Amino acid sequence: EYQKKFSIIRTIIYFALSLAIYAIGYYSTGT
């Protein structure tokens, strides 16, 4: 049960971080 919660939270954070890095790059260069 602990690992279910932990792995879901970790997965969301990892994908959000990748999306944020992409958005920063797109916003700063326009491409």
PDB file of all heavy atoms in Angstrom:
ATOM      1  N   GLU A   1       0.838  -1.211   0.000  1.00  0.00           N
ATOM      2  CA  GLU A   1       0.000   0.000   0.000  1.00  0.00           C
ATOM      3  C   GLU A   1       0.868   1.255   0.000  1.00  0.00           C
ATOM      4  O   GLU A   1       0.567   2.225  -0.697  1.00  0.00           O
ATOM      5  CB  GLU A   1      -0.952   0.006   1.192  1.00  0.00           C
ATOM      6  CG  GLU A   1      -2.077  -0.991   1.072  1.00  0.00           C
ATOM      7  CD  GLU A   1      -2.923  -0.791  -0.179  1.00  0.00           C
ATOM      8  OE1 GLU A   1      -3.300   0.356  -0.470  1.00  0.00           O
ATOM      9  OE2 GLU A   1      -3.207  -1.791  -0.855  1.00  0.00           O
ATOM     10  N   TYR A   2       1.927   1.231   0.791  1.00  0.00           N
ATOM     11  CA  TYR A   2       2.850   2.370   0.817  1.00  0.00           C
ATOM     12  C   TYR A   2       3.485   2.579  -0.550  1.00  0.00           C
ATOM     13  O   TYR A   2       3.554   3.699  -1.057  1.00  0.00           O
ATOM     14  CB  TYR A   2       3.935   2.148   1.881  1.00  0.00           C
ATOM     15  CG  TYR A   2       5.098   3.090   1.744  1.00  0.00           C
ATOM     16  CD1 TYR A   2       5.004   4.402   2.185  1.00  0.00           C
ATOM     17  CD2 TYR A   2       6.275   2.672   1.139  1.00  0.00           C
ATOM     18  CE1 TYR A   2       6.067   5.279   2.042  1.00  0.00           C
ATOM     19  CE2 TYR A   2       7.338   3.540   0.985  1.00  0.00           C
ATOM     20  CZ  TYR A   2       7.224   4.842   1.440  1.00  0.00           C
ATOM     21  OH  TYR A   2       8.285   5.708   1.281  1.00  0.00           O
ATOM     22  N   GLN A   3       3.949   1.492  -1.162  1.00  0.00           N
ATOM     23  CA  GLN A   3       4.609   1.597  -2.461  1.00  0.00           C
ATOM     24  C   GLN A   3       3.651   2.058  -3.553  1.00  0.00           C
ATOM     25  O   GLN A   3       4.060   2.737  -4.485  1.00  0.00           O
ATOM     26  CB  GLN A   3       5.258   0.268  -2.846  1.00  0.00           C
ATOM     27  CG  GLN A   3       6.546  -0.009  -2.115  1.00  0.00           C
ATOM     28  CD  GLN A   3       7.620   1.003  -2.423  1.00  0.00           C
ATOM     29  OE1 GLN A   3       7.701   1.576  -3.499  1.00  0.00           O
ATOM     30  NE2 GLN A   3       8.485   1.236  -1.447  1.00  0.00           N
ATOM     31  N   LYS A   4       2.379   1.678  -3.460  1.00  0.00           N
ATOM     32  CA  LYS A   4       1.385   2.171  -4.423  1.00  0.00           C
ATOM     33  C   LYS A   4       1.344   3.690  -4.390  1.00  0.00           C
ATOM     34  O   LYS A   4       1.451   4.353  -5.426  1.00  0.00           O
ATOM     35  CB  LYS A   4      -0.008   1.612  -4.098  1.00  0.00           C
ATOM     36  CG  LYS A   4      -0.225   0.193  -4.507  1.00  0.00           C
ATOM     37  CD  LYS A   4      -1.634  -0.251  -4.118  1.00  0.00           C
ATOM     38  CE  LYS A   4      -1.794  -1.731  -4.382  1.00  0.00           C
ATOM     39  NZ  LYS A   4      -3.129  -2.227  -4.036  1.00  0.00           N
ATOM     40  N   LYS A   5       1.178   4.242  -3.201  1.00  0.00           N
ATOM     41  CA  LYS A   5       1.093   5.694  -3.054  1.00  0.00           C
ATOM     42  C   LYS A   5       2.389   6.373  -3.471  1.00  0.00           C
ATOM     43  O   LYS A   5       2.374   7.359  -4.212  1.00  0.00           O
ATOM     44  CB  LYS A   5       0.759   6.047  -1.601  1.00  0.00           C
ATOM     45  CG  LYS A   5      -0.607   5.589  -1.157  1.00  0.00           C
ATOM     46  CD  LYS A   5      -0.798   5.824   0.320  1.00  0.00           C
ATOM     47  CE  LYS A   5      -2.080   5.174   0.809  1.00  0.00           C
ATOM     48  NZ  LYS A   5      -2.176   5.193   2.258  1.00  0.00           N
ATOM     49  N   PHE A   6       3.499   5.837  -2.989  1.00  0.00           N
ATOM     50  CA  PHE A   6       4.796   6.452  -3.269  1.00  0.00           C
ATOM     51  C   PHE A   6       5.111   6.442  -4.759  1.00  0.00           C
ATOM     52  O   PHE A   6       5.555   7.453  -5.315  1.00  0.00           O
ATOM     53  CB  PHE A   6       5.894   5.712  -2.493  1.00  0.00           C
ATOM     54  CG  PHE A   6       7.267   6.255  -2.735  1.00  0.00           C
ATOM     55  CD1 PHE A   6       7.666   7.431  -2.142  1.00  0.00           C
ATOM     56  CD2 PHE A   6       8.155   5.585  -3.558  1.00  0.00           C
ATOM     57  CE1 PHE A   6       8.926   7.946  -2.370  1.00  0.00           C
ATOM     58  CE2 PHE A   6       9.417   6.086  -3.792  1.00  0.00           C
ATOM     59  CZ  PHE A   6       9.807   7.270  -3.187  1.00  0.00           C
ATOM     60  N   SER A   7       4.878   5.321  -5.437  1.00  0.00           N
ATOM     61  CA  SER A   7       5.225   5.238  -6.855  1.00  0.00           C
ATOM     62  C   SER A   7       4.315   6.104  -7.716  1.00  0.00           C
ATOM     63  O   SER A   7       4.764   6.662  -8.722  1.00  0.00           O
ATOM     64  CB  SER A   7       5.231   3.787  -7.334  1.00  0.00           C
ATOM     65  OG  SER A   7       3.972   3.202  -7.179  1.00  0.00           O
ATOM     66  N   ILE A   8       3.056   6.263  -7.340  1.00  0.00           N
ATOM     67  CA  ILE A   8       2.156   7.151  -8.081  1.00  0.00           C
ATOM     68  C   ILE A   8       2.608   8.603  -7.928  1.00  0.00           C
ATOM     69  O   ILE A   8       2.697   9.345  -8.920  1.00  0.00           O
ATOM     70  CB  ILE A   8       0.696   6.970  -7.612  1.00  0.00           C
ATOM     71  CG1 ILE A   8       0.157   5.617  -8.081  1.00  0.00           C
ATOM     72  CG2 ILE A   8      -0.179   8.106  -8.117  1.00  0.00           C
ATOM     73  CD1 ILE A   8      -1.182   5.253  -7.474  1.00  0.00           C
ATOM     74  N   ILE A   9       2.902   9.014  -6.714  1.00  0.00           N
ATOM     75  CA  ILE A   9       3.363  10.384  -6.470  1.00  0.00           C
ATOM     76  C   ILE A   9       4.673  10.644  -7.200  1.00  0.00           C
ATOM     77  O   ILE A   9       4.846  11.684  -7.854  1.00  0.00           O
ATOM     78  CB  ILE A   9       3.497  10.646  -4.952  1.00  0.00           C
ATOM     79  CG1 ILE A   9       2.114  10.652  -4.306  1.00  0.00           C
ATOM     80  CG2 ILE A   9       4.228  11.958  -4.683  1.00  0.00           C
ATOM     81  CD1 ILE A   9       2.130  10.629  -2.791  1.00  0.00           C
ATOM     82  N   ARG A  10       5.608   9.705  -7.115  1.00  0.00           N
ATOM     83  CA  ARG A  10       6.899   9.860  -7.790  1.00  0.00           C
ATOM     84  C   ARG A  10       6.720   9.970  -9.304  1.00  0.00           C
ATOM     85  O   ARG A  10       7.355  10.813  -9.952  1.00  0.00           O
ATOM     86  CB  ARG A  10       7.804   8.671  -7.445  1.00  0.00           C
ATOM     87  CG  ARG A  10       9.178   8.760  -8.078  1.00  0.00           C
ATOM     88  CD  ARG A  10      10.003   7.536  -7.797  1.00  0.00           C
ATOM     89  NE  ARG A  10       9.321   6.364  -8.311  1.00  0.00           N
ATOM     90  CZ  ARG A  10       9.441   5.154  -7.795  1.00  0.00           C
ATOM     91  NH1 ARG A  10      10.204   4.942  -6.751  1.00  0.00           N
ATOM     92  NH2 ARG A  10       8.791   4.130  -8.318  1.00  0.00           N
ATOM     93  N   THR A  11       5.846   9.152  -9.875  1.00  0.00           N
ATOM     94  CA  THR A  11       5.606   9.187 -11.321  1.00  0.00           C
ATOM     95  C   THR A  11       5.037  10.536 -11.748  1.00  0.00           C
ATOM     96  O   THR A  11       5.476  11.113 -12.748  1.00  0.00           O
ATOM     97  CB  THR A  11       4.654   8.044 -11.726  1.00  0.00           C
ATOM     98  OG1 THR A  11       5.240   6.799 -11.337  1.00  0.00           O
ATOM     99  CG2 THR A  11       4.396   8.045 -13.219  1.00  0.00           C
ATOM    100  N   ILE A  12       4.090  11.045 -11.005  1.00  0.00           N
ATOM    101  CA  ILE A  12       3.496  12.352 -11.326  1.00  0.00           C
ATOM    102  C   ILE A  12       4.561  13.449 -11.263  1.00  0.00           C
ATOM    103  O   ILE A  12       4.633  14.310 -12.152  1.00  0.00           O
ATOM    104  CB  ILE A  12       2.311  12.653 -10.380  1.00  0.00           C
ATOM    105  CG1 ILE A  12       1.153  11.702 -10.679  1.00  0.00           C
ATOM    106  CG2 ILE A  12       1.874  14.108 -10.494  1.00  0.00           C
ATOM    107  CD1 ILE A  12       0.045  11.732  -9.645  1.00  0.00           C
ATOM    108  N   ILE A  13       5.389  13.415 -10.238  1.00  0.00           N
ATOM    109  CA  ILE A  13       6.442  14.429 -10.103  1.00  0.00           C
ATOM    110  C   ILE A  13       7.437  14.336 -11.261  1.00  0.00           C
ATOM    111  O   ILE A  13       7.827  15.361 -11.835  1.00  0.00           O
ATOM    112  CB  ILE A  13       7.157  14.291  -8.738  1.00  0.00           C
ATOM    113  CG1 ILE A  13       6.211  14.719  -7.617  1.00  0.00           C
ATOM    114  CG2 ILE A  13       8.442  15.106  -8.705  1.00  0.00           C
ATOM    115  CD1 ILE A  13       6.713  14.420  -6.222  1.00  0.00           C
ATOM    116  N   TYR A  14       7.848  13.126 -11.614  1.00  0.00           N
ATOM    117  CA  TYR A  14       8.801  12.962 -12.721  1.00  0.00           C
ATOM    118  C   TYR A  14       8.240  13.497 -14.035  1.00  0.00           C
ATOM    119  O   TYR A  14       8.928  14.205 -14.770  1.00  0.00           O
ATOM    120  CB  TYR A  14       9.178  11.494 -12.893  1.00  0.00           C
ATOM    121  CG  TYR A  14      10.161  10.951 -11.885  1.00  0.00           C
ATOM    122  CD1 TYR A  14      10.696  11.732 -10.869  1.00  0.00           C
ATOM    123  CD2 TYR A  14      10.554   9.620 -11.929  1.00  0.00           C
ATOM    124  CE1 TYR A  14      11.582  11.218  -9.951  1.00  0.00           C
ATOM    125  CE2 TYR A  14      11.455   9.100 -11.028  1.00  0.00           C
ATOM    126  CZ  TYR A  14      11.959   9.905 -10.034  1.00  0.00           C
ATOM    127  OH  TYR A  14      12.846   9.377  -9.132  1.00  0.00           O
ATOM    128  N   PHE A  15       6.990  13.150 -14.347  1.00  0.00           N
ATOM    129  CA  PHE A  15       6.397  13.639 -15.596  1.00  0.00           C
ATOM    130  C   PHE A  15       6.190  15.157 -15.553  1.00  0.00           C
ATOM    131  O   PHE A  15       6.395  15.844 -16.550  1.00  0.00           O
ATOM    132  CB  PHE A  15       5.076  12.927 -15.909  1.00  0.00           C
ATOM    133  CG  PHE A  15       5.261  11.615 -16.607  1.00  0.00           C
ATOM    134  CD1 PHE A  15       4.882  10.428 -16.004  1.00  0.00           C
ATOM    135  CD2 PHE A  15       5.810  11.555 -17.883  1.00  0.00           C
ATOM    136  CE1 PHE A  15       5.054   9.208 -16.652  1.00  0.00           C
ATOM    137  CE2 PHE A  15       5.980  10.344 -18.535  1.00  0.00           C
ATOM    138  CZ  PHE A  15       5.606   9.174 -17.917  1.00  0.00           C
ATOM    139  N   ALA A  16       5.790  15.689 -14.400  1.00  0.00           N
ATOM    140  CA  ALA A  16       5.607  17.137 -14.266  1.00  0.00           C
ATOM    141  C   ALA A  16       6.930  17.872 -14.451  1.00  0.00           C
ATOM    142  O   ALA A  16       6.984  18.933 -15.085  1.00  0.00           O
ATOM    143  CB  ALA A  16       5.002  17.470 -12.908  1.00  0.00           C
ATOM    144  N   LEU A  17       8.001  17.297 -13.930  1.00  0.00           N
ATOM    145  CA  LEU A  17       9.322  17.902 -14.078  1.00  0.00           C
ATOM    146  C   LEU A  17       9.747  17.926 -15.546  1.00  0.00           C
ATOM    147  O   LEU A  17      10.233  18.954 -16.038  1.00  0.00           O
ATOM    148  CB  LEU A  17      10.342  17.137 -13.232  1.00  0.00           C
ATOM    149  CG  LEU A  17      11.721  17.739 -13.074  1.00  0.00           C
ATOM    150  CD1 LEU A  17      11.623  19.108 -12.412  1.00  0.00           C
ATOM    151  CD2 LEU A  17      12.587  16.820 -12.242  1.00  0.00           C
ATOM    152  N   SER A  18       9.538  16.828 -16.257  1.00  0.00           N
ATOM    153  CA  SER A  18       9.873  16.784 -17.684  1.00  0.00           C
ATOM    154  C   SER A  18       9.033  17.785 -18.472  1.00  0.00           C
ATOM    155  O   SER A  18       9.552  18.485 -19.360  1.00  0.00           O
ATOM    156  CB  SER A  18       9.652  15.378 -18.252  1.00  0.00           C
ATOM    157  OG  SER A  18      10.606  14.490 -17.746  1.00  0.00           O
ATOM    158  N   LEU A  19       7.770  17.866 -18.144  1.00  0.00           N
ATOM    159  CA  LEU A  19       6.888  18.820 -18.825  1.00  0.00           C
ATOM    160  C   LEU A  19       7.310  20.259 -18.528  1.00  0.00           C
ATOM    161  O   LEU A  19       7.309  21.113 -19.435  1.00  0.00           O
ATOM    162  CB  LEU A  19       5.435  18.584 -18.402  1.00  0.00           C
ATOM    163  CG  LEU A  19       4.384  19.434 -19.095  1.00  0.00           C
ATOM    164  CD1 LEU A  19       4.382  19.146 -20.607  1.00  0.00           C
ATOM    165  CD2 LEU A  19       3.018  19.142 -18.513  1.00  0.00           C
ATOM    166  N   ALA A  20       7.685  20.532 -17.286  1.00  0.00           N
ATOM    167  CA  ALA A  20       8.127  21.884 -16.916  1.00  0.00           C
ATOM    168  C   ALA A  20       9.414  22.259 -17.656  1.00  0.00           C
ATOM    169  O   ALA A  20       9.551  23.392 -18.135  1.00  0.00           O
ATOM    170  CB  ALA A  20       8.333  21.970 -15.404  1.00  0.00           C
ATOM    171  N   ILE A  21      10.346  21.329 -17.768  1.00  0.00           N
ATOM    172  CA  ILE A  21      11.587  21.604 -18.494  1.00  0.00           C
ATOM    173  C   ILE A  21      11.291  21.889 -19.962  1.00  0.00           C
ATOM    174  O   ILE A  21      11.840  22.826 -20.556  1.00  0.00           O
ATOM    175  CB  ILE A  21      12.577  20.432 -18.334  1.00  0.00           C
ATOM    176  CG1 ILE A  21      13.086  20.368 -16.897  1.00  0.00           C
ATOM    177  CG2 ILE A  21      13.748  20.561 -19.311  1.00  0.00           C
ATOM    178  CD1 ILE A  21      13.878  19.135 -16.569  1.00  0.00           C
ATOM    179  N   TYR A  22      10.402  21.109 -20.544  1.00  0.00           N
ATOM    180  CA  TYR A  22      10.025  21.348 -21.940  1.00  0.00           C
ATOM    181  C   TYR A  22       9.367  22.723 -22.090  1.00  0.00           C
ATOM    182  O   TYR A  22       9.678  23.482 -23.011  1.00  0.00           O
ATOM    183  CB  TYR A  22       9.073  20.258 -22.438  1.00  0.00           C
ATOM    184  CG  TYR A  22       8.535  20.531 -23.808  1.00  0.00           C
ATOM    185  CD1 TYR A  22       9.325  20.321 -24.934  1.00  0.00           C
ATOM    186  CD2 TYR A  22       7.253  21.044 -23.984  1.00  0.00           C
ATOM    187  CE1 TYR A  22       8.837  20.599 -26.208  1.00  0.00           C
ATOM    188  CE2 TYR A  22       6.765  21.329 -25.244  1.00  0.00           C
ATOM    189  CZ  TYR A  22       7.555  21.104 -26.355  1.00  0.00           C
ATOM    190  OH  TYR A  22       7.083  21.398 -27.598  1.00  0.00           O
ATOM    191  N   ALA A  23       8.444  23.056 -21.181  1.00  0.00           N
ATOM    192  CA  ALA A  23       7.734  24.333 -21.255  1.00  0.00           C
ATOM    193  C   ALA A  23       8.692  25.516 -21.097  1.00  0.00           C
ATOM    194  O   ALA A  23       8.557  26.525 -21.809  1.00  0.00           O
ATOM    195  CB  ALA A  23       6.640  24.391 -20.190  1.00  0.00           C
ATOM    196  N   ILE A  24       9.653  25.402 -20.206  1.00  0.00           N
ATOM    197  CA  ILE A  24      10.641  26.474 -20.023  1.00  0.00           C
ATOM    198  C   ILE A  24      11.447  26.673 -21.306  1.00  0.00           C
ATOM    199  O   ILE A  24      11.666  27.809 -21.747  1.00  0.00           O
ATOM    200  CB  ILE A  24      11.571  26.171 -18.820  1.00  0.00           C
ATOM    201  CG1 ILE A  24      10.784  26.294 -17.517  1.00  0.00           C
ATOM    202  CG2 ILE A  24      12.785  27.093 -18.812  1.00  0.00           C
ATOM    203  CD1 ILE A  24      11.520  25.767 -16.303  1.00  0.00           C
ATOM    204  N   GLY A  25      11.872  25.578 -21.913  1.00  0.00           N
ATOM    205  CA  GLY A  25      12.630  25.667 -23.163  1.00  0.00           C
ATOM    206  C   GLY A  25      11.803  26.268 -24.280  1.00  0.00           C
ATOM    207  O   GLY A  25      12.289  27.116 -25.051  1.00  0.00           O
ATOM    208  N   TYR A  26      10.563  25.864 -24.386  1.00  0.00           N
ATOM    209  CA  TYR A  26       9.686  26.375 -25.445  1.00  0.00           C
ATOM    210  C   TYR A  26       9.377  27.856 -25.217  1.00  0.00           C
ATOM    211  O   TYR A  26       9.396  28.663 -26.153  1.00  0.00           O
ATOM    212  CB  TYR A  26       8.387  25.572 -25.500  1.00  0.00           C
ATOM    213  CG  TYR A  26       7.518  25.927 -26.675  1.00  0.00           C
ATOM    214  CD1 TYR A  26       7.788  25.406 -27.935  1.00  0.00           C
ATOM    215  CD2 TYR A  26       6.446  26.803 -26.531  1.00  0.00           C
ATOM    216  CE1 TYR A  26       7.004  25.739 -29.020  1.00  0.00           C
ATOM    217  CE2 TYR A  26       5.659  27.141 -27.599  1.00  0.00           C
ATOM    218  CZ  TYR A  26       5.937  26.602 -28.852  1.00  0.00           C
ATOM    219  OH  TYR A  26       5.162  26.943 -29.936  1.00  0.00           O
ATOM    220  N   TYR A  27       9.128  28.221 -23.959  1.00  0.00           N
ATOM    221  CA  TYR A  27       8.811  29.607 -23.628  1.00  0.00           C
ATOM    222  C   TYR A  27      10.015  30.524 -23.870  1.00  0.00           C
ATOM    223  O   TYR A  27       9.864  31.635 -24.373  1.00  0.00           O
ATOM    224  CB  TYR A  27       8.349  29.698 -22.173  1.00  0.00           C
ATOM    225  CG  TYR A  27       8.054  31.098 -21.711  1.00  0.00           C
ATOM    226  CD1 TYR A  27       6.908  31.749 -22.127  1.00  0.00           C
ATOM    227  CD2 TYR A  27       8.929  31.768 -20.860  1.00  0.00           C
ATOM    228  CE1 TYR A  27       6.626  33.041 -21.710  1.00  0.00           C
ATOM    229  CE2 TYR A  27       8.664  33.058 -20.445  1.00  0.00           C
ATOM    230  CZ  TYR A  27       7.517  33.692 -20.870  1.00  0.00           C
ATOM    231  OH  TYR A  27       7.256  34.966 -20.470  1.00  0.00           O
ATOM    232  N   SER A  28      11.213  30.053 -23.515  1.00  0.00           N
ATOM    233  CA  SER A  28      12.395  30.916 -23.638  1.00  0.00           C
ATOM    234  C   SER A  28      12.888  31.060 -25.085  1.00  0.00           C
ATOM    235  O   SER A  28      13.447  32.098 -25.440  1.00  0.00           O
ATOM    236  CB  SER A  28      13.523  30.412 -22.745  1.00  0.00           C
ATOM    237  OG  SER A  28      13.959  29.148 -23.174  1.00  0.00           O
ATOM    238  N   THR A  29      12.689  30.047 -25.936  1.00  0.00           N
ATOM    239  CA  THR A  29      13.184  30.129 -27.317  1.00  0.00           C
ATOM    240  C   THR A  29      12.089  30.304 -28.347  1.00  0.00           C
ATOM    241  O   THR A  29      12.365  30.672 -29.479  1.00  0.00           O
ATOM    242  CB  THR A  29      13.992  28.863 -27.676  1.00  0.00           C
ATOM    243  OG1 THR A  29      13.140  27.729 -27.627  1.00  0.00           O
ATOM    244  CG2 THR A  29      15.192  28.699 -26.768  1.00  0.00           C
ATOM    245  N   GLY A  30      10.857  30.003 -27.990  1.00  0.00           N
ATOM    246  CA  GLY A  30       9.748  30.122 -28.926  1.00  0.00           C
ATOM    247  C   GLY A  30       9.631  28.951 -29.887  1.00  0.00           C
ATOM    248  O   GLY A  30       8.794  28.952 -30.776  1.00  0.00           O
ATOM    249  N   THR A  31      10.432  27.921 -29.698  1.00  0.00           N
ATOM    250  CA  THR A  31      10.392  26.738 -30.551  1.00  0.00           C
ATOM    251  C   THR A  31      10.758  25.496 -29.730  1.00  0.00           C
ATOM    252  O   THR A  31      11.365  25.598 -28.663  1.00  0.00           O
ATOM    253  CB  THR A  31      11.356  26.881 -31.751  1.00  0.00           C
ATOM    254  OG1 THR A  31      11.276  25.704 -32.559  1.00  0.00           O
ATOM    255  CG2 THR A  31      12.784  27.106 -31.314  1.00  0.00           C
TER     256      THR A  31
END
